[in-house]
Amino acid sequence: MQREAVRTGLASCEGFVSAGQLHDLLTGQGVSVGLATVYRQLNSLAESGQADTIPVAGGQLFRSCTPGSHHHHLICEGCGLAVEIDPPDEAWIERAAQRRGFTVTRHLFEVFGRCRECPEHVGDVLEGSTSDDS
C-alpha cells in the first residue's frame, strides 16, 4: 500500500522532486507514511526502472518514468520541471569515448538551467534552498 502511494504520488508530480518534497505531498493528502519509507520506496522504484533519479547537491531527486525507456532531461533548477530532450546521438557518445580511450558502459545526460517561469536565484528546488529577501 505504501509503495503504491509513493508511486502514485511521484506520478502526480510534473518534474523531479526530493523524497522530502514527496513526503510532504503525501502527508498533506492524508497518507500515513514515514520519510524513511518514502526514501526506500523511491530507491526501489528507481532500481526497477519506474523512476528516474539524478544526483544533486544535498541528495537526489526522482521523477516517474516508463520502465525500460532511456531518455535525457532539461531540468529547471528553480521549480524542478523536467522536459525530455534528444542529446547528441549514441554514436557521438561512443566516438567521444573512443577518442579518449574509454569504453562506454552507461551514460547520463542531464542539462540544468531555468525555465521561463522561474527568475534566477529564487528558491532553488535542486539545492533545497528557499528565497529569503529579509
N, C-alpha and C. Protein backbone atom coordinates (compact mmCIF):
# COMPACT_ATOMS: atom_id res chain seq x y z
N MET A 1 0.82 -1.20 0.00
CA MET A 1 0.00 0.00 0.00
C MET A 1 0.86 1.26 0.00
N GLN A 2 1.91 1.32 0.84
CA GLN A 2 2.76 2.50 0.87
C GLN A 2 3.56 2.64 -0.43
N ARG A 3 4.00 1.52 -1.00
CA ARG A 3 4.72 1.58 -2.27
C ARG A 3 3.83 2.18 -3.34
N GLU A 4 2.57 1.75 -3.38
CA GLU A 4 1.64 2.28 -4.38
C GLU A 4 1.37 3.76 -4.14
N ALA A 5 1.27 4.17 -2.88
CA ALA A 5 1.05 5.58 -2.56
C ALA A 5 2.23 6.42 -3.03
N VAL A 6 3.45 5.93 -2.82
CA VAL A 6 4.65 6.65 -3.25
C VAL A 6 4.70 6.70 -4.78
N ARG A 7 4.43 5.58 -5.44
CA ARG A 7 4.44 5.53 -6.90
C ARG A 7 3.41 6.49 -7.48
N THR A 8 2.19 6.46 -6.94
CA THR A 8 1.12 7.34 -7.42
C THR A 8 1.45 8.80 -7.15
N GLY A 9 1.98 9.08 -5.97
CA GLY A 9 2.36 10.45 -5.63
C GLY A 9 3.43 10.98 -6.56
N LEU A 10 4.44 10.14 -6.84
CA LEU A 10 5.51 10.55 -7.73
C LEU A 10 4.97 10.80 -9.14
N ALA A 11 4.07 9.95 -9.59
CA ALA A 11 3.49 10.11 -10.93
C ALA A 11 2.68 11.40 -11.05
N SER A 12 2.18 11.91 -9.94
CA SER A 12 1.38 13.14 -9.97
C SER A 12 2.24 14.40 -10.06
N CYS A 13 3.54 14.27 -9.85
CA CYS A 13 4.44 15.42 -9.89
C CYS A 13 4.92 15.66 -11.32
N GLU A 14 5.01 16.94 -11.70
CA GLU A 14 5.41 17.29 -13.06
C GLU A 14 6.89 17.12 -13.32
N GLY A 15 7.71 17.40 -12.33
CA GLY A 15 9.14 17.36 -12.53
C GLY A 15 9.82 16.48 -11.51
N PHE A 16 11.12 16.67 -11.35
CA PHE A 16 11.88 15.94 -10.35
C PHE A 16 11.56 16.51 -8.97
N VAL A 17 11.46 15.63 -7.99
CA VAL A 17 11.19 16.04 -6.61
C VAL A 17 12.12 15.26 -5.67
N SER A 18 12.34 15.83 -4.51
CA SER A 18 13.12 15.14 -3.48
C SER A 18 12.19 14.23 -2.69
N ALA A 19 12.78 13.32 -1.94
CA ALA A 19 12.00 12.45 -1.07
C ALA A 19 11.23 13.29 -0.06
N GLY A 20 11.86 14.34 0.46
CA GLY A 20 11.19 15.22 1.43
C GLY A 20 9.99 15.93 0.83
N GLN A 21 10.13 16.41 -0.40
CA GLN A 21 9.01 17.07 -1.06
C GLN A 21 7.86 16.10 -1.28
N LEU A 22 8.18 14.88 -1.71
CA LEU A 22 7.14 13.88 -1.94
C LEU A 22 6.49 13.48 -0.62
N HIS A 23 7.29 13.35 0.42
CA HIS A 23 6.75 13.02 1.75
C HIS A 23 5.76 14.10 2.19
N ASP A 24 6.12 15.36 2.03
CA ASP A 24 5.23 16.47 2.38
C ASP A 24 3.93 16.40 1.59
N LEU A 25 4.03 16.11 0.30
CA LEU A 25 2.85 15.99 -0.55
C LEU A 25 1.94 14.87 -0.05
N LEU A 26 2.52 13.71 0.20
CA LEU A 26 1.73 12.56 0.63
C LEU A 26 1.07 12.78 1.99
N THR A 27 1.84 13.29 2.95
CA THR A 27 1.24 13.51 4.27
C THR A 27 0.19 14.61 4.21
N GLY A 28 0.38 15.58 3.31
CA GLY A 28 -0.63 16.62 3.12
C GLY A 28 -1.92 16.07 2.54
N GLN A 29 -1.82 14.93 1.87
CA GLN A 29 -3.01 14.27 1.31
C GLN A 29 -3.59 13.25 2.28
N GLY A 30 -3.01 13.19 3.49
CA GLY A 30 -3.53 12.28 4.50
C GLY A 30 -2.95 10.87 4.46
N VAL A 31 -1.91 10.66 3.64
CA VAL A 31 -1.27 9.34 3.58
C VAL A 31 -0.32 9.21 4.75
N SER A 32 -0.46 8.14 5.51
CA SER A 32 0.41 7.89 6.65
C SER A 32 1.62 7.10 6.18
N VAL A 33 2.74 7.83 6.01
CA VAL A 33 3.97 7.20 5.54
C VAL A 33 5.15 7.98 6.12
N GLY A 34 6.17 7.25 6.55
CA GLY A 34 7.35 7.88 7.10
C GLY A 34 8.32 8.30 6.02
N LEU A 35 9.16 9.27 6.32
CA LEU A 35 10.14 9.77 5.36
C LEU A 35 11.11 8.66 4.95
N ALA A 36 11.54 7.83 5.89
CA ALA A 36 12.45 6.72 5.55
C ALA A 36 11.80 5.76 4.57
N THR A 37 10.51 5.52 4.73
CA THR A 37 9.78 4.64 3.80
C THR A 37 9.73 5.26 2.42
N VAL A 38 9.51 6.57 2.34
CA VAL A 38 9.48 7.26 1.05
C VAL A 38 10.84 7.10 0.36
N TYR A 39 11.93 7.31 1.11
CA TYR A 39 13.26 7.13 0.54
C TYR A 39 13.44 5.71 0.01
N ARG A 40 13.10 4.72 0.81
CA ARG A 40 13.26 3.32 0.40
C ARG A 40 12.44 3.00 -0.85
N GLN A 41 11.19 3.45 -0.86
CA GLN A 41 10.32 3.15 -2.00
C GLN A 41 10.77 3.87 -3.26
N LEU A 42 11.24 5.11 -3.13
CA LEU A 42 11.74 5.83 -4.30
C LEU A 42 12.97 5.12 -4.88
N ASN A 43 13.88 4.70 -4.02
CA ASN A 43 15.06 3.98 -4.50
C ASN A 43 14.68 2.65 -5.13
N SER A 44 13.69 1.99 -4.58
CA SER A 44 13.20 0.74 -5.16
C SER A 44 12.58 0.99 -6.53
N LEU A 45 11.80 2.06 -6.67
CA LEU A 45 11.21 2.41 -7.96
C LEU A 45 12.31 2.73 -8.98
N ALA A 46 13.35 3.42 -8.54
CA ALA A 46 14.46 3.75 -9.44
C ALA A 46 15.18 2.48 -9.88
N GLU A 47 15.42 1.56 -8.95
CA GLU A 47 16.10 0.31 -9.29
C GLU A 47 15.29 -0.55 -10.26
N SER A 48 13.97 -0.46 -10.17
CA SER A 48 13.12 -1.26 -11.05
C SER A 48 12.81 -0.56 -12.38
N GLY A 49 13.35 0.66 -12.56
CA GLY A 49 13.15 1.39 -13.81
C GLY A 49 11.86 2.18 -13.88
N GLN A 50 11.15 2.29 -12.76
CA GLN A 50 9.89 3.04 -12.74
C GLN A 50 10.08 4.50 -12.34
N ALA A 51 11.32 4.89 -12.03
CA ALA A 51 11.62 6.28 -11.67
C ALA A 51 13.01 6.62 -12.17
N ASP A 52 13.16 7.86 -12.63
CA ASP A 52 14.48 8.40 -12.95
C ASP A 52 15.01 9.01 -11.67
N THR A 53 16.31 9.04 -11.53
CA THR A 53 16.91 9.71 -10.39
C THR A 53 18.14 10.46 -10.86
N ILE A 54 18.35 11.63 -10.28
CA ILE A 54 19.54 12.42 -10.59
C ILE A 54 20.16 12.88 -9.28
N PRO A 55 21.48 12.83 -9.21
CA PRO A 55 22.16 13.34 -8.02
C PRO A 55 22.24 14.87 -8.08
N VAL A 56 22.01 15.50 -6.96
CA VAL A 56 22.14 16.95 -6.84
C VAL A 56 22.83 17.24 -5.52
N ALA A 57 23.28 18.48 -5.35
CA ALA A 57 23.89 18.85 -4.08
C ALA A 57 22.89 18.57 -2.97
N GLY A 58 23.30 17.82 -1.99
CA GLY A 58 22.42 17.54 -0.86
C GLY A 58 21.54 16.32 -1.03
N GLY A 59 21.75 15.51 -2.07
CA GLY A 59 20.93 14.30 -2.19
C GLY A 59 20.63 13.90 -3.61
N GLN A 60 19.41 13.43 -3.82
CA GLN A 60 19.00 13.02 -5.15
C GLN A 60 17.54 13.37 -5.35
N LEU A 61 17.16 13.50 -6.61
CA LEU A 61 15.79 13.81 -6.98
C LEU A 61 15.24 12.67 -7.82
N PHE A 62 13.91 12.55 -7.84
CA PHE A 62 13.23 11.45 -8.52
C PHE A 62 12.12 11.98 -9.41
N ARG A 63 11.84 11.21 -10.47
CA ARG A 63 10.75 11.52 -11.39
C ARG A 63 10.20 10.20 -11.91
N SER A 64 8.90 10.10 -12.00
CA SER A 64 8.27 8.90 -12.53
C SER A 64 8.62 8.75 -14.01
N CYS A 65 8.82 7.50 -14.44
CA CYS A 65 9.11 7.26 -15.85
C CYS A 65 8.59 5.89 -16.27
N THR A 66 8.63 5.66 -17.56
CA THR A 66 8.19 4.38 -18.12
C THR A 66 9.34 3.39 -18.03
N PRO A 67 9.13 2.23 -17.44
CA PRO A 67 10.21 1.24 -17.33
C PRO A 67 10.78 0.88 -18.70
N GLY A 68 12.10 0.75 -18.75
CA GLY A 68 12.77 0.35 -19.98
C GLY A 68 13.08 1.48 -20.93
N SER A 69 12.59 2.67 -20.65
CA SER A 69 12.86 3.78 -21.57
C SER A 69 14.18 4.46 -21.18
N HIS A 70 14.89 4.93 -22.17
CA HIS A 70 16.15 5.64 -21.93
C HIS A 70 15.96 7.05 -22.46
N HIS A 71 16.06 8.02 -21.58
CA HIS A 71 15.83 9.39 -22.01
C HIS A 71 16.68 10.35 -21.21
N HIS A 72 16.71 11.58 -21.67
CA HIS A 72 17.54 12.62 -21.10
C HIS A 72 16.66 13.84 -20.83
N HIS A 73 17.12 14.72 -19.95
CA HIS A 73 16.26 15.81 -19.49
C HIS A 73 16.92 17.17 -19.52
N LEU A 74 16.11 18.19 -19.71
CA LEU A 74 16.44 19.58 -19.45
C LEU A 74 15.68 19.87 -18.15
N ILE A 75 16.40 20.28 -17.10
CA ILE A 75 15.80 20.37 -15.77
C ILE A 75 15.92 21.79 -15.22
N CYS A 76 14.80 22.35 -14.77
CA CYS A 76 14.80 23.69 -14.18
C CYS A 76 15.27 23.60 -12.74
N GLU A 77 16.30 24.38 -12.42
CA GLU A 77 16.83 24.41 -11.06
C GLU A 77 15.90 25.16 -10.11
N GLY A 78 15.00 25.95 -10.65
CA GLY A 78 14.09 26.72 -9.81
C GLY A 78 12.90 25.91 -9.32
N CYS A 79 12.22 25.22 -10.24
CA CYS A 79 10.98 24.53 -9.86
C CYS A 79 11.03 23.02 -10.04
N GLY A 80 12.10 22.50 -10.65
CA GLY A 80 12.22 21.06 -10.85
C GLY A 80 11.56 20.53 -12.11
N LEU A 81 10.96 21.41 -12.91
CA LEU A 81 10.34 20.99 -14.16
C LEU A 81 11.35 20.23 -15.00
N ALA A 82 10.95 19.11 -15.56
CA ALA A 82 11.84 18.31 -16.42
C ALA A 82 11.19 18.11 -17.77
N VAL A 83 11.95 18.35 -18.81
CA VAL A 83 11.49 18.17 -20.18
C VAL A 83 12.45 17.20 -20.85
N GLU A 84 11.91 16.18 -21.49
CA GLU A 84 12.76 15.23 -22.18
C GLU A 84 13.35 15.87 -23.42
N ILE A 85 14.64 15.61 -23.65
CA ILE A 85 15.34 16.16 -24.81
C ILE A 85 16.09 15.05 -25.54
N ASP A 86 16.43 15.32 -26.79
CA ASP A 86 17.25 14.40 -27.57
C ASP A 86 18.69 14.92 -27.54
N PRO A 87 19.60 14.18 -26.93
CA PRO A 87 21.00 14.62 -26.90
C PRO A 87 21.68 14.26 -28.22
N PRO A 88 22.97 14.58 -28.33
CA PRO A 88 23.68 14.08 -29.50
C PRO A 88 23.45 12.56 -29.59
N ASP A 89 23.49 12.02 -30.75
CA ASP A 89 23.18 10.59 -30.91
C ASP A 89 24.17 9.69 -30.18
N GLU A 90 23.79 8.44 -30.01
CA GLU A 90 24.60 7.46 -29.29
C GLU A 90 25.97 7.31 -29.95
N ALA A 91 26.02 7.43 -31.28
CA ALA A 91 27.30 7.29 -31.99
C ALA A 91 28.27 8.40 -31.56
N TRP A 92 27.77 9.60 -31.33
CA TRP A 92 28.61 10.71 -30.85
C TRP A 92 29.22 10.36 -29.51
N ILE A 93 28.43 9.79 -28.62
CA ILE A 93 28.91 9.40 -27.29
C ILE A 93 30.01 8.34 -27.43
N GLU A 94 29.77 7.35 -28.27
CA GLU A 94 30.76 6.29 -28.50
C GLU A 94 32.05 6.86 -29.08
N ARG A 95 31.94 7.73 -30.07
CA ARG A 95 33.14 8.32 -30.70
C ARG A 95 33.93 9.15 -29.69
N ALA A 96 33.22 9.97 -28.91
CA ALA A 96 33.90 10.80 -27.91
C ALA A 96 34.65 9.93 -26.90
N ALA A 97 34.05 8.85 -26.49
CA ALA A 97 34.69 7.95 -25.53
C ALA A 97 35.90 7.25 -26.17
N GLN A 98 35.72 6.72 -27.36
CA GLN A 98 36.80 6.01 -28.05
C GLN A 98 38.03 6.90 -28.25
N ARG A 99 37.79 8.14 -28.67
CA ARG A 99 38.91 9.07 -28.91
C ARG A 99 39.73 9.30 -27.64
N ARG A 100 39.12 9.10 -26.50
CA ARG A 100 39.79 9.34 -25.23
C ARG A 100 40.17 8.04 -24.51
N GLY A 101 40.03 6.91 -25.23
CA GLY A 101 40.43 5.63 -24.67
C GLY A 101 39.44 5.00 -23.71
N PHE A 102 38.18 5.39 -23.79
CA PHE A 102 37.14 4.85 -22.90
C PHE A 102 36.25 3.87 -23.65
N THR A 103 35.69 2.94 -22.90
CA THR A 103 34.61 2.08 -23.38
C THR A 103 33.37 2.48 -22.60
N VAL A 104 32.31 2.84 -23.29
CA VAL A 104 31.08 3.29 -22.62
C VAL A 104 30.35 2.09 -22.02
N THR A 105 30.04 2.18 -20.74
CA THR A 105 29.23 1.15 -20.08
C THR A 105 27.84 1.67 -19.78
N ARG A 106 27.72 2.97 -19.62
CA ARG A 106 26.43 3.63 -19.40
C ARG A 106 26.67 5.13 -19.50
N HIS A 107 25.59 5.90 -19.62
CA HIS A 107 25.75 7.35 -19.64
C HIS A 107 24.52 8.03 -19.06
N LEU A 108 24.75 9.25 -18.58
CA LEU A 108 23.69 10.13 -18.11
C LEU A 108 23.87 11.43 -18.86
N PHE A 109 22.77 12.03 -19.26
CA PHE A 109 22.84 13.30 -19.96
C PHE A 109 21.70 14.17 -19.46
N GLU A 110 22.02 15.06 -18.55
CA GLU A 110 21.04 15.96 -17.96
C GLU A 110 21.57 17.39 -18.12
N VAL A 111 20.70 18.30 -18.53
CA VAL A 111 21.08 19.69 -18.70
C VAL A 111 20.26 20.51 -17.70
N PHE A 112 20.95 21.34 -16.91
CA PHE A 112 20.30 22.13 -15.88
C PHE A 112 20.26 23.60 -16.27
N GLY A 113 19.18 24.26 -15.91
CA GLY A 113 19.03 25.68 -16.20
C GLY A 113 17.78 26.21 -15.53
N ARG A 114 17.19 27.23 -16.12
CA ARG A 114 15.97 27.88 -15.60
C ARG A 114 14.90 27.88 -16.68
N CYS A 115 13.69 27.46 -16.32
CA CYS A 115 12.59 27.59 -17.27
C CYS A 115 12.16 29.06 -17.32
N ARG A 116 11.36 29.42 -18.29
CA ARG A 116 10.98 30.83 -18.44
C ARG A 116 10.10 31.34 -17.30
N GLU A 117 9.53 30.43 -16.51
CA GLU A 117 8.68 30.85 -15.40
C GLU A 117 9.46 31.16 -14.12
N CYS A 118 10.71 30.77 -14.06
CA CYS A 118 11.50 30.92 -12.82
C CYS A 118 12.58 31.99 -12.96
N PRO A 119 12.50 33.03 -12.14
CA PRO A 119 13.57 34.03 -12.15
C PRO A 119 14.84 33.44 -11.54
N GLU A 120 15.99 34.01 -11.87
CA GLU A 120 17.26 33.48 -11.35
C GLU A 120 17.37 33.64 -9.84
N HIS A 121 18.01 32.67 -9.24
CA HIS A 121 18.39 32.68 -7.83
C HIS A 121 17.23 32.79 -6.85
N VAL A 122 16.05 32.35 -7.23
CA VAL A 122 14.92 32.37 -6.30
C VAL A 122 14.45 30.95 -6.08
N GLY A 123 14.55 30.48 -4.84
CA GLY A 123 14.02 29.18 -4.46
C GLY A 123 14.55 28.01 -5.25
N ASP A 124 15.84 27.77 -5.20
CA ASP A 124 16.43 26.67 -5.93
C ASP A 124 15.96 25.33 -5.37
N VAL A 125 15.02 24.70 -6.06
CA VAL A 125 14.50 23.40 -5.66
C VAL A 125 15.60 22.37 -5.62
N LEU A 126 16.49 22.39 -6.59
CA LEU A 126 17.52 21.37 -6.69
C LEU A 126 18.59 21.52 -5.62
N GLU A 127 18.69 22.67 -5.02
CA GLU A 127 19.65 22.87 -3.93
C GLU A 127 18.97 22.75 -2.58
N GLY A 128 17.64 22.69 -2.57
CA GLY A 128 16.90 22.60 -1.32
C GLY A 128 16.78 23.93 -0.60
N SER A 129 17.12 25.03 -1.27
CA SER A 129 17.07 26.34 -0.62
C SER A 129 15.76 27.03 -0.96
N THR A 130 15.47 28.08 -0.23
CA THR A 130 14.29 28.89 -0.50
C THR A 130 14.70 30.35 -0.52
N SER A 131 13.88 31.16 -1.12
CA SER A 131 14.15 32.57 -1.21
C SER A 131 13.93 33.25 0.13
N ASP A 132 14.85 34.12 0.52
CA ASP A 132 14.69 34.88 1.76
C ASP A 132 15.30 36.25 1.53
N ASP A 133 14.44 37.22 1.22
CA ASP A 133 14.91 38.55 0.90
C ASP A 133 15.00 39.46 2.10
N SER A 134 14.81 38.94 3.33
CA SER A 134 14.83 39.81 4.50
C SER A 134 16.22 40.13 4.96
